[in-house]
N, C-alpha and C. Protein backbone atom coordinates (compact mmCIF):
# COMPACT_ATOMS: atom_id res chain seq x y z
N MET A 1 -78.58 -46.39 -2.56
CA MET A 1 -78.04 -45.58 -2.15
C MET A 1 -76.74 -45.66 -1.69
N ARG A 2 -75.47 -45.11 -1.97
CA ARG A 2 -74.20 -45.10 -1.66
C ARG A 2 -74.25 -44.36 -0.58
N PHE A 3 -73.43 -45.14 0.48
CA PHE A 3 -73.19 -44.48 1.65
C PHE A 3 -71.46 -44.39 1.53
N TRP A 4 -70.74 -45.22 1.26
CA TRP A 4 -69.36 -45.04 1.06
C TRP A 4 -68.91 -44.08 -0.14
N ILE A 5 -68.05 -43.15 0.02
CA ILE A 5 -67.36 -42.45 -0.90
C ILE A 5 -66.00 -42.50 -0.86
N GLN A 6 -64.87 -42.16 -1.71
CA GLN A 6 -63.75 -42.39 -1.62
C GLN A 6 -63.26 -40.87 -1.97
N CYS A 7 -62.50 -40.30 -1.12
CA CYS A 7 -61.82 -38.69 -0.92
C CYS A 7 -60.40 -39.19 -1.16
N THR A 8 -59.75 -38.17 -1.13
CA THR A 8 -58.20 -37.83 -1.15
C THR A 8 -57.93 -36.93 0.25
N ARG A 9 -56.96 -37.73 1.00
CA ARG A 9 -56.52 -36.94 2.13
C ARG A 9 -55.58 -36.09 1.63
N PHE A 10 -55.98 -34.58 2.43
CA PHE A 10 -55.09 -33.61 2.09
C PHE A 10 -53.54 -33.60 1.99
N GLU A 11 -53.27 -34.12 3.48
CA GLU A 11 -51.86 -34.36 3.75
C GLU A 11 -50.93 -35.53 2.98
N THR A 12 -51.68 -36.46 2.31
CA THR A 12 -50.62 -37.45 1.80
C THR A 12 -51.14 -37.68 0.56
N GLY A 13 -52.39 -37.37 0.06
CA GLY A 13 -52.87 -38.18 -1.37
C GLY A 13 -53.34 -39.12 -1.52
N GLN A 14 -53.46 -39.55 -0.29
CA GLN A 14 -53.74 -41.14 -0.29
C GLN A 14 -55.25 -40.98 -0.27
N PRO A 15 -55.80 -42.17 -1.25
CA PRO A 15 -57.27 -42.21 -1.02
C PRO A 15 -57.80 -42.93 0.20
N ILE A 16 -59.03 -42.42 0.93
CA ILE A 16 -59.90 -42.84 2.01
C ILE A 16 -60.90 -43.08 1.46
N HIS A 17 -61.90 -44.02 2.38
CA HIS A 17 -63.32 -44.44 2.10
C HIS A 17 -63.85 -43.82 3.30
N ILE A 18 -64.97 -42.87 3.10
CA ILE A 18 -65.77 -42.40 4.12
C ILE A 18 -67.32 -42.86 4.29
N ASN A 19 -67.81 -42.90 5.15
CA ASN A 19 -69.17 -43.12 5.21
C ASN A 19 -70.19 -41.55 5.30
N ILE A 20 -70.39 -41.51 4.03
CA ILE A 20 -71.01 -40.38 4.14
C ILE A 20 -72.06 -39.83 4.90
N ALA A 21 -72.89 -40.91 5.64
CA ALA A 21 -73.84 -40.59 6.48
C ALA A 21 -73.20 -40.37 7.87
N LEU A 22 -72.31 -40.36 8.05
CA LEU A 22 -71.48 -40.08 9.67
C LEU A 22 -70.75 -38.48 9.54
N VAL A 23 -70.87 -37.98 8.25
CA VAL A 23 -70.37 -36.60 7.96
C VAL A 23 -71.49 -35.78 8.56
N GLY A 24 -71.22 -34.97 9.72
CA GLY A 24 -72.30 -33.70 10.32
C GLY A 24 -72.08 -32.43 9.28
N SER A 25 -70.73 -32.30 8.82
CA SER A 25 -70.75 -30.95 8.28
C SER A 25 -69.46 -31.15 7.59
N MET A 26 -69.73 -29.80 6.45
CA MET A 26 -68.37 -29.68 5.41
C MET A 26 -68.30 -28.21 5.22
N SER A 27 -66.74 -27.91 5.12
CA SER A 27 -66.43 -26.62 5.16
C SER A 27 -65.14 -26.50 4.33
N ARG A 28 -65.02 -25.12 4.04
CA ARG A 28 -63.52 -25.26 3.03
C ARG A 28 -62.80 -24.47 3.49
N ASP A 29 -61.56 -24.51 3.73
CA ASP A 29 -60.22 -24.13 4.44
C ASP A 29 -59.08 -23.84 3.20
N GLY A 30 -59.48 -23.03 2.59
CA GLY A 30 -58.22 -22.62 1.44
C GLY A 30 -58.51 -23.75 0.49
N GLU A 31 -57.52 -24.60 0.26
CA GLU A 31 -57.51 -25.87 -0.82
C GLU A 31 -58.21 -27.03 -0.27
N ARG A 32 -58.39 -26.94 1.05
CA ARG A 32 -59.01 -28.31 1.46
C ARG A 32 -60.37 -27.90 2.10
N THR A 33 -61.22 -29.19 2.04
CA THR A 33 -62.37 -29.60 2.57
C THR A 33 -62.37 -30.15 4.01
N VAL A 34 -62.87 -29.68 4.85
CA VAL A 34 -62.86 -30.20 6.41
C VAL A 34 -64.18 -31.04 6.41
N LEU A 35 -63.93 -32.27 6.58
CA LEU A 35 -65.27 -33.09 7.30
C LEU A 35 -65.37 -33.25 8.62
N ALA A 36 -66.45 -32.83 9.30
CA ALA A 36 -66.58 -32.97 10.59
C ALA A 36 -67.55 -34.30 10.95
N PHE A 37 -67.01 -35.18 11.53
CA PHE A 37 -67.97 -36.36 12.08
C PHE A 37 -68.98 -35.82 12.80
N VAL A 38 -70.22 -36.56 13.14
CA VAL A 38 -71.14 -36.73 13.90
C VAL A 38 -70.42 -37.55 15.12
N GLY A 39 -70.95 -37.21 16.31
CA GLY A 39 -70.82 -37.65 17.53
C GLY A 39 -69.94 -36.33 18.61
N GLY A 40 -69.65 -37.23 19.51
CA GLY A 40 -68.77 -35.98 20.41
C GLY A 40 -67.15 -35.95 20.29
N ASP A 41 -66.63 -36.99 19.63
CA ASP A 41 -65.44 -36.86 19.63
C ASP A 41 -64.40 -35.61 18.95
N GLY A 42 -65.30 -34.96 18.11
CA GLY A 42 -64.80 -33.90 17.49
C GLY A 42 -64.01 -34.41 16.24
N GLN A 43 -63.69 -35.24 15.75
CA GLN A 43 -62.94 -35.88 14.98
C GLN A 43 -63.15 -35.33 13.41
N THR A 44 -62.07 -34.74 12.53
CA THR A 44 -62.14 -34.22 11.49
C THR A 44 -61.00 -34.80 10.62
N ILE A 45 -61.46 -34.76 9.43
CA ILE A 45 -60.38 -35.21 8.19
C ILE A 45 -60.47 -33.96 7.41
N GLU A 46 -59.46 -34.01 6.54
CA GLU A 46 -59.21 -32.89 5.30
C GLU A 46 -58.85 -33.55 3.94
N VAL A 47 -59.87 -33.78 2.99
CA VAL A 47 -59.88 -33.91 1.65
C VAL A 47 -59.25 -32.85 0.85
N THR A 48 -59.21 -33.22 -0.30
CA THR A 48 -59.01 -32.31 -1.64
C THR A 48 -60.10 -32.14 -2.27
N GLU A 49 -61.21 -33.00 -2.54
CA GLU A 49 -62.61 -33.00 -2.94
C GLU A 49 -63.22 -31.56 -2.54
N THR A 50 -64.08 -30.93 -3.22
CA THR A 50 -65.07 -29.75 -2.61
C THR A 50 -66.25 -30.46 -2.30
N PRO A 51 -66.98 -30.11 -1.62
CA PRO A 51 -68.22 -30.05 -0.61
C PRO A 51 -68.91 -30.52 -1.93
N GLU A 52 -69.37 -29.50 -3.01
CA GLU A 52 -70.03 -29.97 -4.38
C GLU A 52 -69.52 -31.02 -4.67
N HIS A 53 -68.72 -31.62 -5.16
CA HIS A 53 -68.27 -32.61 -5.87
C HIS A 53 -68.42 -33.95 -4.95
N ILE A 54 -68.27 -33.92 -3.58
CA ILE A 54 -68.69 -35.02 -2.91
C ILE A 54 -69.97 -35.35 -2.54
N LEU A 55 -71.04 -34.00 -2.53
CA LEU A 55 -72.46 -34.20 -2.63
C LEU A 55 -72.65 -34.88 -4.23
N ALA A 56 -72.27 -34.57 -5.10
CA ALA A 56 -72.33 -34.91 -6.61
C ALA A 56 -72.13 -36.33 -6.48
N VAL A 57 -71.06 -36.97 -6.25
CA VAL A 57 -70.56 -38.49 -6.05
C VAL A 57 -71.82 -39.19 -5.40
N HIS A 58 -72.19 -38.76 -4.02
CA HIS A 58 -73.26 -39.29 -3.39
C HIS A 58 -74.61 -39.18 -3.95
N LEU A 59 -75.10 -37.89 -4.16
CA LEU A 59 -76.29 -37.52 -4.73
C LEU A 59 -76.68 -37.79 -6.14
N GLY A 60 -75.47 -37.49 -7.14
CA GLY A 60 -75.75 -37.58 -8.31
C GLY A 60 -75.72 -35.99 -8.71
N ALA A 61 -75.39 -35.75 -10.05
CA ALA A 61 -75.17 -34.41 -10.67
C ALA A 61 -76.70 -33.74 -10.43
N PRO A 62 -76.35 -32.59 -9.99
CA PRO A 62 -77.62 -31.36 -9.92
C PRO A 62 -78.77 -31.35 -10.79
N ALA A 63 -79.69 -31.18 -11.03
CA ALA A 63 -80.52 -31.26 -12.47
C ALA A 63 -80.19 -29.46 -13.17
N ALA A 64 -80.21 -29.61 -14.04
CA ALA A 64 -79.96 -28.31 -14.83
C ALA A 64 -81.57 -27.58 -14.44
N ALA A 65 -81.44 -26.15 -14.17
CA ALA A 65 -82.49 -25.12 -14.27
C ALA A 65 -82.74 -25.32 -15.69
N PRO A 66 -84.29 -24.82 -15.63
CA PRO A 66 -84.85 -24.39 -17.01
C PRO A 66 -84.83 -23.23 -17.46
């Protein structure tokens, strides 16, 4: 299982590697996906990929419905 995924920082367009196991939630804000990390510090990061893309990269493409 892959724990590290590559996303693109919204502000700079630079790639960043994120440990998906540390992401507590994902939400959309217009063109941005906001990743909130687990823990008490409230750290977030904004990336360009959609939550669906992030999950597909980590979990694989969803199976087609019969």
